[in-house]
């Protein structure tokens, strides 16, 4: 039997229609044990059971799909001593396994760095790690540019 290859898209949360937001909310309520039945959870968020069952197997938070994978993060950093070291320490703290580091020559006081990380052993989700990296002194921007 021939099965079509699934195509995945990375879409910002703001672009999702309300039905998908509510499907995610129901899944979260059920996963956290706030509600034990689909009926209770869909009623709470104002979603029909039919809509929930239609979309539940097709929408997941990014960090669910990135668990156990290799992700590549692009960072824009101030060109000053210790910034890259802080980033690598923070990734290590979350038990991310760094596979590659590529740093461009700093231009106008800013360096572009690309880091590939194996996420299998990580103790936190990717969103939390990115937020923590963004809060480090000297980090101007972080974004995920690849996932494998």
C-alpha atoms as a PDB file:
ATOM      1  CA  UNK A   1       0.000   0.000   0.000  1.00  0.00           C
ATOM      2  CA  UNK A   2       1.428   3.367  -1.040  1.00  0.00           C
ATOM      3  CA  UNK A   3       1.338   6.027   1.646  1.00  0.00           C
ATOM      4  CA  UNK A   4       1.784   9.723   0.885  1.00  0.00           C
ATOM      5  CA  UNK A   5       4.663  11.509   2.558  1.00  0.00           C
ATOM      6  CA  UNK A   6       3.425  13.987   5.162  1.00  0.00           C
ATOM      7  CA  UNK A   7       4.357  17.629   4.656  1.00  0.00           C
ATOM      8  CA  UNK A   8       4.945  19.754   7.746  1.00  0.00           C
ATOM      9  CA  UNK A   9       4.878  23.527   8.107  1.00  0.00           C
ATOM     10  CA  UNK A  10       6.154  25.730  10.883  1.00  0.00           C
ATOM     11  CA  UNK A  11       3.488  28.404  11.432  1.00  0.00           C
ATOM     12  CA  UNK A  12       3.484  31.222  13.961  1.00  0.00           C
ATOM     13  CA  UNK A  13       0.750  30.887  16.571  1.00  0.00           C
ATOM     14  CA  UNK A  14      -0.870  34.211  15.601  1.00  0.00           C
ATOM     15  CA  UNK A  15      -1.638  32.851  12.132  1.00  0.00           C
ATOM     16  CA  UNK A  16      -3.646  29.850  13.370  1.00  0.00           C
ATOM     17  CA  UNK A  17      -7.438  29.892  13.159  1.00  0.00           C
ATOM     18  CA  UNK A  18      -9.400  29.791  16.401  1.00  0.00           C
ATOM     19  CA  UNK A  19     -10.414  26.134  15.951  1.00  0.00           C
ATOM     20  CA  UNK A  20      -6.745  25.093  16.034  1.00  0.00           C
ATOM     21  CA  UNK A  21      -6.028  27.253  19.096  1.00  0.00           C
ATOM     22  CA  UNK A  22      -8.930  25.593  20.886  1.00  0.00           C
ATOM     23  CA  UNK A  23      -7.791  22.114  19.818  1.00  0.00           C
ATOM     24  CA  UNK A  24      -4.386  22.824  21.369  1.00  0.00           C
ATOM     25  CA  UNK A  25      -6.072  24.071  24.559  1.00  0.00           C
ATOM     26  CA  UNK A  26      -8.144  20.872  24.819  1.00  0.00           C
ATOM     27  CA  UNK A  27      -5.064  18.699  24.308  1.00  0.00           C
ATOM     28  CA  UNK A  28      -3.216  20.659  26.986  1.00  0.00           C
ATOM     29  CA  UNK A  29      -6.089  20.380  29.486  1.00  0.00           C
ATOM     30  CA  UNK A  30      -6.247  16.624  28.927  1.00  0.00           C
ATOM     31  CA  UNK A  31      -2.450  16.142  29.083  1.00  0.00           C
ATOM     32  CA  UNK A  32      -2.184  18.064  32.348  1.00  0.00           C
ATOM     33  CA  UNK A  33      -5.065  16.101  33.858  1.00  0.00           C
ATOM     34  CA  UNK A  34      -7.221  19.182  34.448  1.00  0.00           C
ATOM     35  CA  UNK A  35     -10.050  17.272  32.760  1.00  0.00           C
ATOM     36  CA  UNK A  36     -10.273  13.523  32.278  1.00  0.00           C
ATOM     37  CA  UNK A  37     -12.766  13.428  29.423  1.00  0.00           C
ATOM     38  CA  UNK A  38     -12.840  15.065  26.019  1.00  0.00           C
ATOM     39  CA  UNK A  39     -16.443  16.188  26.671  1.00  0.00           C
ATOM     40  CA  UNK A  40     -15.409  18.221  29.721  1.00  0.00           C
ATOM     41  CA  UNK A  41     -12.394  19.789  28.007  1.00  0.00           C
ATOM     42  CA  UNK A  42     -14.159  20.786  24.766  1.00  0.00           C
ATOM     43  CA  UNK A  43     -17.025  22.280  26.756  1.00  0.00           C
ATOM     44  CA  UNK A  44     -14.563  24.333  28.805  1.00  0.00           C
ATOM     45  CA  UNK A  45     -12.901  25.898  25.729  1.00  0.00           C
ATOM     46  CA  UNK A  46     -16.051  26.144  23.584  1.00  0.00           C
ATOM     47  CA  UNK A  47     -15.113  23.646  20.872  1.00  0.00           C
ATOM     48  CA  UNK A  48     -17.231  20.904  19.346  1.00  0.00           C
ATOM     49  CA  UNK A  49     -16.160  17.282  19.831  1.00  0.00           C
ATOM     50  CA  UNK A  50     -16.225  16.825  16.059  1.00  0.00           C
ATOM     51  CA  UNK A  51     -13.764  19.677  15.502  1.00  0.00           C
ATOM     52  CA  UNK A  52     -11.462  18.377  18.236  1.00  0.00           C
ATOM     53  CA  UNK A  53     -11.400  14.870  16.764  1.00  0.00           C
ATOM     54  CA  UNK A  54     -10.901  16.271  13.265  1.00  0.00           C
ATOM     55  CA  UNK A  55      -7.729  18.212  14.184  1.00  0.00           C
ATOM     56  CA  UNK A  56      -6.250  16.545  17.280  1.00  0.00           C
ATOM     57  CA  UNK A  57      -3.823  14.320  15.364  1.00  0.00           C
ATOM     58  CA  UNK A  58      -2.623  17.133  13.121  1.00  0.00           C
ATOM     59  CA  UNK A  59      -1.542  19.933  15.447  1.00  0.00           C
ATOM     60  CA  UNK A  60       1.224  19.844  18.039  1.00  0.00           C
ATOM     61  CA  UNK A  61       3.316  22.436  19.812  1.00  0.00           C
ATOM     62  CA  UNK A  62       6.685  22.788  18.095  1.00  0.00           C
ATOM     63  CA  UNK A  63       8.571  21.427  21.101  1.00  0.00           C
ATOM     64  CA  UNK A  64       6.593  18.147  20.929  1.00  0.00           C
ATOM     65  CA  UNK A  65       7.852  17.565  17.401  1.00  0.00           C
ATOM     66  CA  UNK A  66      11.391  18.743  18.131  1.00  0.00           C
ATOM     67  CA  UNK A  67      11.912  16.392  21.068  1.00  0.00           C
ATOM     68  CA  UNK A  68      14.566  13.818  20.205  1.00  0.00           C
ATOM     69  CA  UNK A  69      15.595  15.665  17.050  1.00  0.00           C
ATOM     70  CA  UNK A  70      18.371  17.883  15.832  1.00  0.00           C
ATOM     71  CA  UNK A  71      17.561  21.575  15.643  1.00  0.00           C
ATOM     72  CA  UNK A  72      19.632  24.426  14.300  1.00  0.00           C
ATOM     73  CA  UNK A  73      19.432  27.793  16.014  1.00  0.00           C
ATOM     74  CA  UNK A  74      20.697  31.001  14.441  1.00  0.00           C
ATOM     75  CA  UNK A  75      21.782  33.706  16.874  1.00  0.00           C
ATOM     76  CA  UNK A  76      22.750  37.354  16.469  1.00  0.00           C
ATOM     77  CA  UNK A  77      25.272  38.245  19.166  1.00  0.00           C
ATOM     78  CA  UNK A  78      27.078  41.334  20.371  1.00  0.00           C
ATOM     79  CA  UNK A  79      30.783  41.008  19.614  1.00  0.00           C
ATOM     80  CA  UNK A  80      32.130  40.961  23.152  1.00  0.00           C
ATOM     81  CA  UNK A  81      33.991  38.380  25.220  1.00  0.00           C
ATOM     82  CA  UNK A  82      32.007  35.625  26.925  1.00  0.00           C
ATOM     83  CA  UNK A  83      28.719  35.846  25.003  1.00  0.00           C
ATOM     84  CA  UNK A  84      29.169  32.603  23.066  1.00  0.00           C
ATOM     85  CA  UNK A  85      30.475  30.895  26.192  1.00  0.00           C
ATOM     86  CA  UNK A  86      27.280  31.861  28.071  1.00  0.00           C
ATOM     87  CA  UNK A  87      25.159  30.420  25.260  1.00  0.00           C
ATOM     88  CA  UNK A  88      27.046  27.129  25.203  1.00  0.00           C
ATOM     89  CA  UNK A  89      26.825  26.880  29.006  1.00  0.00           C
ATOM     90  CA  UNK A  90      23.077  27.507  28.920  1.00  0.00           C
ATOM     91  CA  UNK A  91      22.553  24.836  26.257  1.00  0.00           C
ATOM     92  CA  UNK A  92      24.661  22.404  28.301  1.00  0.00           C
ATOM     93  CA  UNK A  93      22.615  23.240  31.416  1.00  0.00           C
ATOM     94  CA  UNK A  94      19.481  22.090  29.575  1.00  0.00           C
ATOM     95  CA  UNK A  95      21.346  18.906  28.544  1.00  0.00           C
ATOM     96  CA  UNK A  96      21.304  19.789  24.860  1.00  0.00           C
ATOM     97  CA  UNK A  97      24.061  18.016  22.953  1.00  0.00           C
ATOM     98  CA  UNK A  98      25.898  20.525  20.748  1.00  0.00           C
ATOM     99  CA  UNK A  99      26.796  18.985  17.394  1.00  0.00           C
ATOM    100  CA  UNK A 100      28.109  21.966  15.404  1.00  0.00           C
ATOM    101  CA  UNK A 101      28.976  25.613  15.977  1.00  0.00           C
ATOM    102  CA  UNK A 102      29.519  28.008  13.085  1.00  0.00           C
ATOM    103  CA  UNK A 103      30.441  31.615  13.738  1.00  0.00           C
ATOM    104  CA  UNK A 104      30.852  34.294  11.113  1.00  0.00           C
ATOM    105  CA  UNK A 105      33.314  37.133  11.368  1.00  0.00           C
ATOM    106  CA  UNK A 106      31.766  39.956  13.407  1.00  0.00           C
ATOM    107  CA  UNK A 107      30.624  42.918  11.335  1.00  0.00           C
ATOM    108  CA  UNK A 108      29.738  46.255  12.899  1.00  0.00           C
ATOM    109  CA  UNK A 109      29.921  44.743  16.390  1.00  0.00           C
ATOM    110  CA  UNK A 110      27.517  41.856  15.647  1.00  0.00           C
ATOM    111  CA  UNK A 111      28.337  38.197  15.083  1.00  0.00           C
ATOM    112  CA  UNK A 112      26.100  35.611  13.445  1.00  0.00           C
ATOM    113  CA  UNK A 113      26.328  32.161  15.056  1.00  0.00           C
ATOM    114  CA  UNK A 114      24.628  28.928  14.075  1.00  0.00           C
ATOM    115  CA  UNK A 115      24.406  26.065  16.600  1.00  0.00           C
ATOM    116  CA  UNK A 116      23.037  22.577  15.896  1.00  0.00           C
ATOM    117  CA  UNK A 117      21.743  20.761  18.955  1.00  0.00           C
ATOM    118  CA  UNK A 118      20.573  17.213  19.536  1.00  0.00           C
ATOM    119  CA  UNK A 119      17.480  17.501  21.771  1.00  0.00           C
ATOM    120  CA  UNK A 120      17.022  13.864  22.827  1.00  0.00           C
ATOM    121  CA  UNK A 121      18.335  14.313  26.393  1.00  0.00           C
ATOM    122  CA  UNK A 122      17.125  17.858  26.980  1.00  0.00           C
ATOM    123  CA  UNK A 123      15.539  18.636  30.326  1.00  0.00           C
ATOM    124  CA  UNK A 124      13.387  21.479  28.971  1.00  0.00           C
ATOM    125  CA  UNK A 125      11.465  22.213  25.793  1.00  0.00           C
ATOM    126  CA  UNK A 126      12.932  24.212  22.923  1.00  0.00           C
ATOM    127  CA  UNK A 127      10.691  27.231  23.548  1.00  0.00           C
ATOM    128  CA  UNK A 128      12.008  27.553  27.115  1.00  0.00           C
ATOM    129  CA  UNK A 129      15.602  27.244  25.941  1.00  0.00           C
ATOM    130  CA  UNK A 130      15.124  29.921  23.267  1.00  0.00           C
ATOM    131  CA  UNK A 131      13.546  32.265  25.789  1.00  0.00           C
ATOM    132  CA  UNK A 132      16.454  31.716  28.194  1.00  0.00           C
ATOM    133  CA  UNK A 133      18.993  32.337  25.413  1.00  0.00           C
ATOM    134  CA  UNK A 134      17.197  35.553  24.391  1.00  0.00           C
ATOM    135  CA  UNK A 135      17.486  36.824  27.970  1.00  0.00           C
ATOM    136  CA  UNK A 136      21.274  36.423  28.086  1.00  0.00           C
ATOM    137  CA  UNK A 137      23.328  39.609  27.976  1.00  0.00           C
ATOM    138  CA  UNK A 138      24.710  40.117  24.479  1.00  0.00           C
ATOM    139  CA  UNK A 139      22.081  38.075  22.627  1.00  0.00           C
ATOM    140  CA  UNK A 140      20.172  40.241  20.178  1.00  0.00           C
ATOM    141  CA  UNK A 141      18.077  37.586  18.442  1.00  0.00           C
ATOM    142  CA  UNK A 142      17.504  33.826  18.262  1.00  0.00           C
ATOM    143  CA  UNK A 143      15.539  31.810  15.728  1.00  0.00           C
ATOM    144  CA  UNK A 144      15.166  28.212  14.724  1.00  0.00           C
ATOM    145  CA  UNK A 145      16.307  27.781  11.148  1.00  0.00           C
ATOM    146  CA  UNK A 146      16.206  24.016  10.796  1.00  0.00           C
ATOM    147  CA  UNK A 147      14.980  20.789  12.271  1.00  0.00           C
ATOM    148  CA  UNK A 148      15.924  17.251  11.376  1.00  0.00           C
END
